[in-house]
Structures are given as C-alpha cells and as structure tokens.
C-alpha cells in the first residue's frame, strides 16, 4: 500500500506569533476552513496546521 502524507500539525505556545510568521513573513494565505486556535495552510496537497497547545484537535477536525 502506498503511504501518503497530507496533514502536518504543529502545536505552538504563541499562536499569534506563528500566524504572523506564516502570513506576513512567508506570504502564505490561511485557509477559509481555519478557526479560532487553529490555522490551516494548503500547500498544494499537504495541509500545514498549527494550533495552540490548548486546542482540542480531535473534536475540531472530526
């Protein structure tokens, strides 16, 4: 079976600083599916997600 990576999730202590880095520093556009405490960036087949340490991802993503 072929393995495929399509979601990378990173937790951060400083959500706003991380968001500023990706949006302002790298010029990436946040996905419309992003929500409070969770930012999603579509990288053309791979989704980079980052969230606060307190975000409960299983309930947010499913």
Protein backbone atom coordinates (compact mmCIF):
# COMPACT_ATOMS: atom_id res chain seq x y z
CA UNK A 1 0.00 0.00 0.00
CA UNK A 2 1.31 3.44 -0.92
CA UNK A 3 1.79 5.79 2.01
CA UNK A 4 0.84 9.43 1.63
CA UNK A 5 1.38 12.33 4.00
CA UNK A 6 -1.30 15.00 3.71
CA UNK A 7 -1.54 16.73 7.12
CA UNK A 8 1.21 18.10 9.36
CA UNK A 9 0.07 19.57 12.67
CA UNK A 10 2.25 21.68 14.94
CA UNK A 11 1.39 22.96 18.41
CA UNK A 12 2.65 26.38 19.44
CA UNK A 13 2.86 28.35 22.67
CA UNK A 14 2.48 31.65 20.78
CA UNK A 15 -0.26 31.21 18.19
CA UNK A 16 -0.32 34.85 17.03
CA UNK A 17 3.44 34.98 16.52
CA UNK A 18 3.33 31.78 14.46
CA UNK A 19 0.38 33.08 12.42
CA UNK A 20 2.22 36.34 11.72
CA UNK A 21 5.31 34.41 10.58
CA UNK A 22 3.43 32.31 8.02
CA UNK A 23 1.09 35.06 6.79
CA UNK A 24 3.33 38.13 6.89
CA UNK A 25 6.79 36.60 6.79
CA UNK A 26 6.21 33.89 4.18
CA UNK A 27 3.16 35.43 2.49
CA UNK A 28 1.05 32.27 2.87
CA UNK A 29 -2.73 32.57 2.77
CA UNK A 30 -4.68 31.00 5.61
CA UNK A 31 -7.44 28.60 4.54
CA UNK A 32 -11.08 29.64 4.93
CA UNK A 33 -11.51 26.46 7.00
CA UNK A 34 -9.25 27.90 9.72
CA UNK A 35 -10.90 28.74 13.04
CA UNK A 36 -10.05 30.21 16.43
CA UNK A 37 -6.96 28.46 17.74
CA UNK A 38 -6.37 26.51 14.51
CA UNK A 39 -4.72 27.83 11.33
CA UNK A 40 -4.64 25.76 8.14
CA UNK A 41 -2.43 26.39 5.13
CA UNK A 42 -2.94 24.43 1.90
CA UNK A 43 0.48 23.74 0.41
CA UNK A 44 -0.76 22.04 -2.75
CA UNK A 45 -1.60 18.55 -1.50
CA UNK A 46 -0.25 18.88 2.03
CA UNK A 47 -2.04 20.82 4.74
CA UNK A 48 0.09 22.53 7.37
CA UNK A 49 -1.93 23.10 10.52
CA UNK A 50 -0.84 24.78 13.68
CA UNK A 51 -2.74 25.32 16.85
CA UNK A 52 -2.44 26.46 20.42
CA UNK A 53 -1.36 23.86 22.95
CA UNK A 54 -4.87 24.03 24.46
CA UNK A 55 -6.73 23.30 21.20
CA UNK A 56 -8.62 20.01 21.25
CA UNK A 57 -7.88 18.85 17.70
CA UNK A 58 -9.79 15.54 17.62
CA UNK A 59 -13.11 17.29 18.24
CA UNK A 60 -12.29 20.15 15.85
CA UNK A 61 -11.22 18.01 12.89
CA UNK A 62 -13.78 15.19 13.06
